[in-house]
Amino acid sequence: MRLIESAMIVFAQRGIGVSVIPEVIAAAGVSQGSFYNYFRTNDDLLAAVSEALSHDMVQMIESVVGEIEDPALRVATGIRLYLHLARSYPVVAQFLSSTGLSVVGKKSAVYEYLPSDIKEGLKTGTFDGASADVALDLVTGAGVIAVHRMATGRTTKDYPEQIVRGVLRSLGVPASRATKLTSSALPKLVASPESLLEKAQEKLAAKAELSN
């Protein structure tokens, strides 16, 4: 976990265009031999961080949306929670922004639950005008761009809601219903102190403090 926490921060700051292994080893304070007991390549590290982050985020989001029956409300609430979580944890937004589409499909939260929710919405007529694959691409693309914008600049308080309303409209949901689906108050998600979100954020804050 120390290696994964350190890798998340290094990927967030450096992206995926260079080898991050030496930096991760130094940041985690482990030997090169210890590192290679667990990982061999940048891709191994990236997949491990993506899986651990998705696990933490999905656990929190599913605790809220798991019991929602309406697929449109489930999708809307899930994406809103995902975007608000990313904004609440800068290291998450930076990691997702820096890695972009490279983490999509590598055990990403997006591909763990959304396909079945979208297919259900298409089957029941809640969504229309797109195949399941196209709908998933619309959701994924909007999410990647939204997280990048939040990581690199200022956004309005309701920016996640604006994004989700646009996504719902692209899936054929009427404007009035899209507004209603994104207007309810969201519960505040609290990450476990042992979660990757909290641990990586703590490490990033400590690193920033040392450099000041």
C-alpha atoms as a PDB file:
ATOM      1  CA  MET A   1       0.000   0.000   0.000  1.00  0.00           C
ATOM      2  CA  ARG A   2       2.918   2.387   0.637  1.00  0.00           C
ATOM      3  CA  LEU A   3       4.050   1.807  -2.937  1.00  0.00           C
ATOM      4  CA  ILE A   4       0.526   2.327  -4.303  1.00  0.00           C
ATOM      5  CA  GLU A   5       0.027   5.515  -2.255  1.00  0.00           C
ATOM      6  CA  SER A   6       3.365   6.877  -3.454  1.00  0.00           C
ATOM      7  CA  ALA A   7       2.678   5.835  -7.044  1.00  0.00           C
ATOM      8  CA  MET A   8      -0.652   7.654  -7.028  1.00  0.00           C
ATOM      9  CA  ILE A   9       1.059  10.905  -6.049  1.00  0.00           C
ATOM     10  CA  VAL A  10       3.891  10.491  -8.571  1.00  0.00           C
ATOM     11  CA  PHE A  11       1.470   9.670 -11.396  1.00  0.00           C
ATOM     12  CA  ALA A  12      -0.663  12.662 -10.368  1.00  0.00           C
ATOM     13  CA  GLN A  13       2.329  14.970 -10.622  1.00  0.00           C
ATOM     14  CA  ARG A  14       4.263  13.428 -13.530  1.00  0.00           C
ATOM     15  CA  GLY A  15       1.657  11.713 -15.676  1.00  0.00           C
ATOM     16  CA  ILE A  16       2.388   8.439 -17.465  1.00  0.00           C
ATOM     17  CA  GLY A  17       4.813   9.524 -20.170  1.00  0.00           C
ATOM     18  CA  VAL A  18       7.973   8.695 -18.213  1.00  0.00           C
ATOM     19  CA  SER A  19       9.156   5.867 -15.972  1.00  0.00           C
ATOM     20  CA  VAL A  20       8.080   6.684 -12.429  1.00  0.00           C
ATOM     21  CA  ILE A  21       9.560   3.607 -10.759  1.00  0.00           C
ATOM     22  CA  PRO A  22      12.694   5.280  -9.271  1.00  0.00           C
ATOM     23  CA  GLU A  23      10.585   8.123  -7.854  1.00  0.00           C
ATOM     24  CA  VAL A  24       8.028   5.730  -6.404  1.00  0.00           C
ATOM     25  CA  ILE A  25      10.763   3.665  -4.726  1.00  0.00           C
ATOM     26  CA  ALA A  26      12.276   6.817  -3.196  1.00  0.00           C
ATOM     27  CA  ALA A  27       8.916   8.236  -2.111  1.00  0.00           C
ATOM     28  CA  ALA A  28       7.836   4.950  -0.502  1.00  0.00           C
ATOM     29  CA  GLY A  29      11.179   4.480   1.234  1.00  0.00           C
ATOM     30  CA  VAL A  30      11.658   0.888   0.112  1.00  0.00           C
ATOM     31  CA  SER A  31      14.484  -0.938  -1.603  1.00  0.00           C
ATOM     32  CA  GLN A  32      14.501  -1.675  -5.318  1.00  0.00           C
ATOM     33  CA  GLY A  33      14.288  -5.379  -4.526  1.00  0.00           C
ATOM     34  CA  SER A  34      11.201  -4.879  -2.389  1.00  0.00           C
ATOM     35  CA  PHE A  35       9.543  -2.910  -5.191  1.00  0.00           C
ATOM     36  CA  TYR A  36      10.138  -5.667  -7.754  1.00  0.00           C
ATOM     37  CA  ASN A  37       8.606  -8.226  -5.425  1.00  0.00           C
ATOM     38  CA  TYR A  38       5.265  -6.566  -6.207  1.00  0.00           C
ATOM     39  CA  PHE A  39       5.530  -4.712  -9.521  1.00  0.00           C
ATOM     40  CA  ARG A  40       7.568  -4.929 -12.707  1.00  0.00           C
ATOM     41  CA  THR A  41       6.449  -2.025 -14.897  1.00  0.00           C
ATOM     42  CA  ASN A  42       4.737   1.379 -14.950  1.00  0.00           C
ATOM     43  CA  ASP A  43       1.623  -0.342 -16.277  1.00  0.00           C
ATOM     44  CA  ASP A  44       1.562  -2.729 -13.315  1.00  0.00           C
ATOM     45  CA  LEU A  45       1.693   0.246 -10.959  1.00  0.00           C
ATOM     46  CA  LEU A  46      -0.958   2.188 -12.857  1.00  0.00           C
ATOM     47  CA  ALA A  47      -3.334  -0.772 -12.857  1.00  0.00           C
ATOM     48  CA  ALA A  48      -2.795  -1.319  -9.113  1.00  0.00           C
ATOM     49  CA  VAL A  49      -3.481   2.326  -8.267  1.00  0.00           C
ATOM     50  CA  SER A  50      -6.549   2.401 -10.510  1.00  0.00           C
ATOM     51  CA  GLU A  51      -7.930  -0.782  -8.942  1.00  0.00           C
ATOM     52  CA  ALA A  52      -7.350   0.399  -5.372  1.00  0.00           C
ATOM     53  CA  LEU A  53      -8.808   3.847  -6.045  1.00  0.00           C
ATOM     54  CA  SER A  54     -11.841   2.408  -7.827  1.00  0.00           C
ATOM     55  CA  HIS A  55     -12.431  -0.002  -4.956  1.00  0.00           C
ATOM     56  CA  ASP A  56     -12.462   2.833  -2.410  1.00  0.00           C
ATOM     57  CA  MET A  57     -14.665   5.120  -4.489  1.00  0.00           C
ATOM     58  CA  VAL A  58     -17.108   2.404  -5.540  1.00  0.00           C
ATOM     59  CA  GLN A  59     -17.529   1.257  -1.940  1.00  0.00           C
ATOM     60  CA  MET A  60     -18.561   4.742  -0.855  1.00  0.00           C
ATOM     61  CA  ILE A  61     -20.735   5.489  -3.882  1.00  0.00           C
ATOM     62  CA  GLU A  62     -22.495   2.118  -3.857  1.00  0.00           C
ATOM     63  CA  SER A  63     -23.432   2.631  -0.211  1.00  0.00           C
ATOM     64  CA  VAL A  64     -25.690   5.422  -1.509  1.00  0.00           C
ATOM     65  CA  VAL A  65     -26.804   4.344  -4.985  1.00  0.00           C
ATOM     66  CA  GLY A  66     -27.047   0.600  -4.449  1.00  0.00           C
ATOM     67  CA  GLU A  67     -30.668   0.761  -3.310  1.00  0.00           C
ATOM     68  CA  ILE A  68     -31.883   3.257  -5.941  1.00  0.00           C
ATOM     69  CA  GLU A  69     -34.305   1.555  -8.340  1.00  0.00           C
ATOM     70  CA  ASP A  70     -34.590   4.196 -11.074  1.00  0.00           C
ATOM     71  CA  PRO A  71     -31.610   3.696 -13.439  1.00  0.00           C
ATOM     72  CA  ALA A  72     -31.541   7.384 -14.426  1.00  0.00           C
ATOM     73  CA  LEU A  73     -31.401   8.512 -10.800  1.00  0.00           C
ATOM     74  CA  ARG A  74     -28.805   5.821 -10.080  1.00  0.00           C
ATOM     75  CA  VAL A  75     -26.564   6.989 -12.930  1.00  0.00           C
ATOM     76  CA  ALA A  76     -27.073  10.682 -12.097  1.00  0.00           C
ATOM     77  CA  THR A  77     -26.356  10.218  -8.403  1.00  0.00           C
ATOM     78  CA  GLY A  78     -23.368   7.964  -9.014  1.00  0.00           C
ATOM     79  CA  ILE A  79     -21.685  10.386 -11.421  1.00  0.00           C
ATOM     80  CA  ARG A  80     -22.404  13.371  -9.163  1.00  0.00           C
ATOM     81  CA  LEU A  81     -20.873  11.587  -6.180  1.00  0.00           C
ATOM     82  CA  TYR A  82     -17.852  10.532  -8.274  1.00  0.00           C
ATOM     83  CA  LEU A  83     -17.193  14.100  -9.442  1.00  0.00           C
ATOM     84  CA  HIS A  84     -17.704  15.620  -5.994  1.00  0.00           C
ATOM     85  CA  LEU A  85     -15.339  13.045  -4.490  1.00  0.00           C
ATOM     86  CA  ALA A  86     -12.707  13.903  -7.088  1.00  0.00           C
ATOM     87  CA  ARG A  87     -13.054  17.576  -6.253  1.00  0.00           C
ATOM     88  CA  SER A  88     -12.897  16.916  -2.496  1.00  0.00           C
ATOM     89  CA  TYR A  89      -9.616  15.021  -2.860  1.00  0.00           C
ATOM     90  CA  PRO A  90      -7.215  17.019  -5.077  1.00  0.00           C
ATOM     91  CA  VAL A  91      -4.815  14.075  -5.349  1.00  0.00           C
ATOM     92  CA  VAL A  92      -7.644  12.008  -6.873  1.00  0.00           C
ATOM     93  CA  ALA A  93      -8.529  14.700  -9.393  1.00  0.00           C
ATOM     94  CA  GLN A  94      -4.841  15.176 -10.272  1.00  0.00           C
ATOM     95  CA  PHE A  95      -4.276  11.430 -10.686  1.00  0.00           C
ATOM     96  CA  LEU A  96      -7.349  10.969 -12.880  1.00  0.00           C
ATOM     97  CA  SER A  97      -6.503  14.080 -14.885  1.00  0.00           C
ATOM     98  CA  SER A  98      -2.877  13.038 -15.431  1.00  0.00           C
ATOM     99  CA  THR A  99      -3.682   9.466 -16.414  1.00  0.00           C
ATOM    100  CA  GLY A 100      -6.900  10.206 -18.313  1.00  0.00           C
ATOM    101  CA  LEU A 101      -8.230   7.484 -20.557  1.00  0.00           C
ATOM    102  CA  SER A 102      -5.269   5.250 -19.686  1.00  0.00           C
ATOM    103  CA  VAL A 103      -7.033   4.094 -16.515  1.00  0.00           C
ATOM    104  CA  VAL A 104     -10.411   3.533 -18.162  1.00  0.00           C
ATOM    105  CA  GLY A 105     -10.877  -0.185 -18.508  1.00  0.00           C
ATOM    106  CA  LYS A 106      -8.093  -1.026 -16.025  1.00  0.00           C
ATOM    107  CA  LYS A 107     -10.564  -2.160 -13.360  1.00  0.00           C
ATOM    108  CA  SER A 108     -12.029   1.346 -13.344  1.00  0.00           C
ATOM    109  CA  ALA A 109     -15.169   2.171 -11.376  1.00  0.00           C
ATOM    110  CA  VAL A 110     -16.690   3.476 -14.593  1.00  0.00           C
ATOM    111  CA  TYR A 111     -16.696   0.017 -16.139  1.00  0.00           C
ATOM    112  CA  GLU A 112     -17.704  -1.833 -13.001  1.00  0.00           C
ATOM    113  CA  TYR A 113     -21.265  -0.567 -12.640  1.00  0.00           C
ATOM    114  CA  LEU A 114     -22.218   1.881 -15.387  1.00  0.00           C
ATOM    115  CA  PRO A 115     -22.706  -0.600 -18.264  1.00  0.00           C
ATOM    116  CA  SER A 116     -25.464  -2.524 -16.483  1.00  0.00           C
ATOM    117  CA  ASP A 117     -27.153   0.700 -15.305  1.00  0.00           C
ATOM    118  CA  ILE A 118     -27.095   2.130 -18.830  1.00  0.00           C
ATOM    119  CA  LYS A 119     -28.389  -1.104 -20.386  1.00  0.00           C
ATOM    120  CA  GLU A 120     -31.242  -1.166 -17.872  1.00  0.00           C
ATOM    121  CA  GLY A 121     -32.069   2.456 -18.695  1.00  0.00           C
ATOM    122  CA  LEU A 122     -32.111   1.696 -22.442  1.00  0.00           C
ATOM    123  CA  LYS A 123     -34.230  -1.409 -21.930  1.00  0.00           C
ATOM    124  CA  THR A 124     -36.852   0.434 -19.881  1.00  0.00           C
ATOM    125  CA  GLY A 125     -36.924   3.446 -22.205  1.00  0.00           C
ATOM    126  CA  THR A 126     -35.447   5.757 -19.566  1.00  0.00           C
ATOM    127  CA  PHE A 127     -32.570   6.443 -21.962  1.00  0.00           C
ATOM    128  CA  ASP A 128     -32.850   6.495 -25.737  1.00  0.00           C
ATOM    129  CA  GLY A 129     -31.065   7.487 -28.909  1.00  0.00           C
ATOM    130  CA  ALA A 130     -27.823   5.633 -28.282  1.00  0.00           C
ATOM    131  CA  SER A 131     -26.426   2.144 -28.042  1.00  0.00           C
ATOM    132  CA  ALA A 132     -25.048   1.005 -24.703  1.00  0.00           C
ATOM    133  CA  ASP A 133     -21.473   1.462 -25.974  1.00  0.00           C
ATOM    134  CA  VAL A 134     -22.128   4.984 -27.264  1.00  0.00           C
ATOM    135  CA  ALA A 135     -23.895   5.920 -24.036  1.00  0.00           C
ATOM    136  CA  LEU A 136     -20.964   4.619 -21.990  1.00  0.00           C
ATOM    137  CA  ASP A 137     -18.543   6.608 -24.141  1.00  0.00           C
ATOM    138  CA  LEU A 138     -20.592   9.784 -23.624  1.00  0.00           C
ATOM    139  CA  VAL A 139     -20.575   9.307 -19.850  1.00  0.00           C
ATOM    140  CA  THR A 140     -16.886   8.386 -19.730  1.00  0.00           C
ATOM    141  CA  GLY A 141     -15.780  11.232 -21.982  1.00  0.00           C
ATOM    142  CA  ALA A 142     -17.719  13.821 -20.016  1.00  0.00           C
ATOM    143  CA  GLY A 143     -16.338  12.460 -16.735  1.00  0.00           C
ATOM    144  CA  VAL A 144     -12.708  12.543 -17.921  1.00  0.00           C
ATOM    145  CA  ILE A 145     -13.014  16.138 -19.172  1.00  0.00           C
ATOM    146  CA  ALA A 146     -14.869  17.255 -16.037  1.00  0.00           C
ATOM    147  CA  VAL A 147     -12.245  15.832 -13.685  1.00  0.00           C
ATOM    148  CA  HIS A 148      -9.461  17.392 -15.767  1.00  0.00           C
ATOM    149  CA  ARG A 149     -11.142  20.800 -15.592  1.00  0.00           C
ATOM    150  CA  MET A 150     -11.609  20.514 -11.823  1.00  0.00           C
ATOM    151  CA  ALA A 151      -7.977  19.464 -11.376  1.00  0.00           C
ATOM    152  CA  THR A 152      -6.541  22.291 -13.448  1.00  0.00           C
ATOM    153  CA  GLY A 153      -8.796  25.277 -12.786  1.00  0.00           C
ATOM    154  CA  ARG A 154     -11.691  26.731 -10.873  1.00  0.00           C
ATOM    155  CA  THR A 155     -15.226  25.508 -11.401  1.00  0.00           C
ATOM    156  CA  THR A 156     -18.579  26.619 -10.036  1.00  0.00           C
ATOM    157  CA  LYS A 157     -20.067  24.862  -7.048  1.00  0.00           C
ATOM    158  CA  ASP A 158     -22.686  23.155  -9.205  1.00  0.00           C
ATOM    159  CA  TYR A 159     -20.283  22.216 -12.004  1.00  0.00           C
ATOM    160  CA  PRO A 160     -20.748  18.439 -11.395  1.00  0.00           C
ATOM    161  CA  GLU A 161     -24.521  18.908 -11.618  1.00  0.00           C
ATOM    162  CA  GLN A 162     -24.179  20.847 -14.883  1.00  0.00           C
ATOM    163  CA  ILE A 163     -22.058  18.053 -16.335  1.00  0.00           C
ATOM    164  CA  VAL A 164     -24.501  15.352 -15.240  1.00  0.00           C
ATOM    165  CA  ARG A 165     -27.465  17.264 -16.641  1.00  0.00           C
ATOM    166  CA  GLY A 166     -25.646  17.468 -19.974  1.00  0.00           C
ATOM    167  CA  VAL A 167     -24.905  13.739 -19.882  1.00  0.00           C
ATOM    168  CA  LEU A 168     -28.524  12.895 -19.105  1.00  0.00           C
ATOM    169  CA  ARG A 169     -29.739  15.107 -21.948  1.00  0.00           C
ATOM    170  CA  SER A 170     -27.344  13.321 -24.325  1.00  0.00           C
ATOM    171  CA  LEU A 171     -28.957  10.041 -23.230  1.00  0.00           C
ATOM    172  CA  GLY A 172     -32.410  11.308 -24.152  1.00  0.00           C
ATOM    173  CA  VAL A 173     -33.627  12.427 -20.725  1.00  0.00           C
ATOM    174  CA  PRO A 174     -35.904  15.505 -20.986  1.00  0.00           C
ATOM    175  CA  ALA A 175     -34.456  18.774 -19.637  1.00  0.00           C
ATOM    176  CA  SER A 176     -36.977  19.117 -16.794  1.00  0.00           C
ATOM    177  CA  ARG A 177     -36.345  15.558 -15.605  1.00  0.00           C
ATOM    178  CA  ALA A 178     -32.569  15.971 -15.924  1.00  0.00           C
ATOM    179  CA  THR A 179     -32.790  19.052 -13.690  1.00  0.00           C
ATOM    180  CA  LYS A 180     -34.917  17.190 -11.153  1.00  0.00           C
ATOM    181  CA  LEU A 181     -32.537  14.212 -11.118  1.00  0.00           C
ATOM    182  CA  THR A 182     -29.585  16.464 -10.260  1.00  0.00           C
ATOM    183  CA  SER A 183     -31.282  18.794  -7.768  1.00  0.00           C
ATOM    184  CA  SER A 184     -31.537  16.644  -4.654  1.00  0.00           C
ATOM    185  CA  ALA A 185     -29.011  17.089  -1.848  1.00  0.00           C
ATOM    186  CA  LEU A 186     -26.197  14.554  -1.840  1.00  0.00           C
ATOM    187  CA  PRO A 187     -24.992  12.833   1.326  1.00  0.00           C
ATOM    188  CA  LYS A 188     -21.442  13.693   2.316  1.00  0.00           C
ATOM    189  CA  LEU A 189     -19.217  10.703   1.678  1.00  0.00           C
ATOM    190  CA  VAL A 190     -16.549  10.100   4.297  1.00  0.00           C
ATOM    191  CA  ALA A 191     -13.551   8.005   3.321  1.00  0.00           C
ATOM    192  CA  SER A 192     -12.020   5.606   5.803  1.00  0.00           C
ATOM    193  CA  PRO A 193      -8.770   6.892   7.350  1.00  0.00           C
ATOM    194  CA  GLU A 194      -7.113   3.788   5.886  1.00  0.00           C
ATOM    195  CA  SER A 195      -8.426   4.348   2.361  1.00  0.00           C
ATOM    196  CA  LEU A 196      -6.150   5.225  -0.539  1.00  0.00           C
ATOM    197  CA  LEU A 197      -7.901   8.581  -0.884  1.00  0.00           C
ATOM    198  CA  GLU A 198      -7.046   9.631   2.670  1.00  0.00           C
ATOM    199  CA  LYS A 199      -3.565   8.125   2.784  1.00  0.00           C
ATOM    200  CA  ALA A 200      -2.459   9.613  -0.536  1.00  0.00           C
ATOM    201  CA  GLN A 201      -3.947  13.003   0.332  1.00  0.00           C
ATOM    202  CA  GLU A 202      -2.093  12.975   3.660  1.00  0.00           C
ATOM    203  CA  LYS A 203       1.192  12.118   1.911  1.00  0.00           C
ATOM    204  CA  LEU A 204       0.663  14.842  -0.672  1.00  0.00           C
ATOM    205  CA  ALA A 205      -0.045  17.428   2.045  1.00  0.00           C
ATOM    206  CA  ALA A 206       3.043  16.337   4.001  1.00  0.00           C
ATOM    207  CA  LYS A 207       5.185  16.564   0.855  1.00  0.00           C
ATOM    208  CA  ALA A 208       3.886  20.074   0.130  1.00  0.00           C
ATOM    209  CA  GLU A 209       4.597  21.128   3.722  1.00  0.00           C
ATOM    210  CA  LEU A 210       8.198  19.900   3.500  1.00  0.00           C
ATOM    211  CA  SER A 211       8.811  21.806   0.293  1.00  0.00           C
ATOM    212  CA  ASN A 212       7.545  25.103   1.763  1.00  0.00           C
END
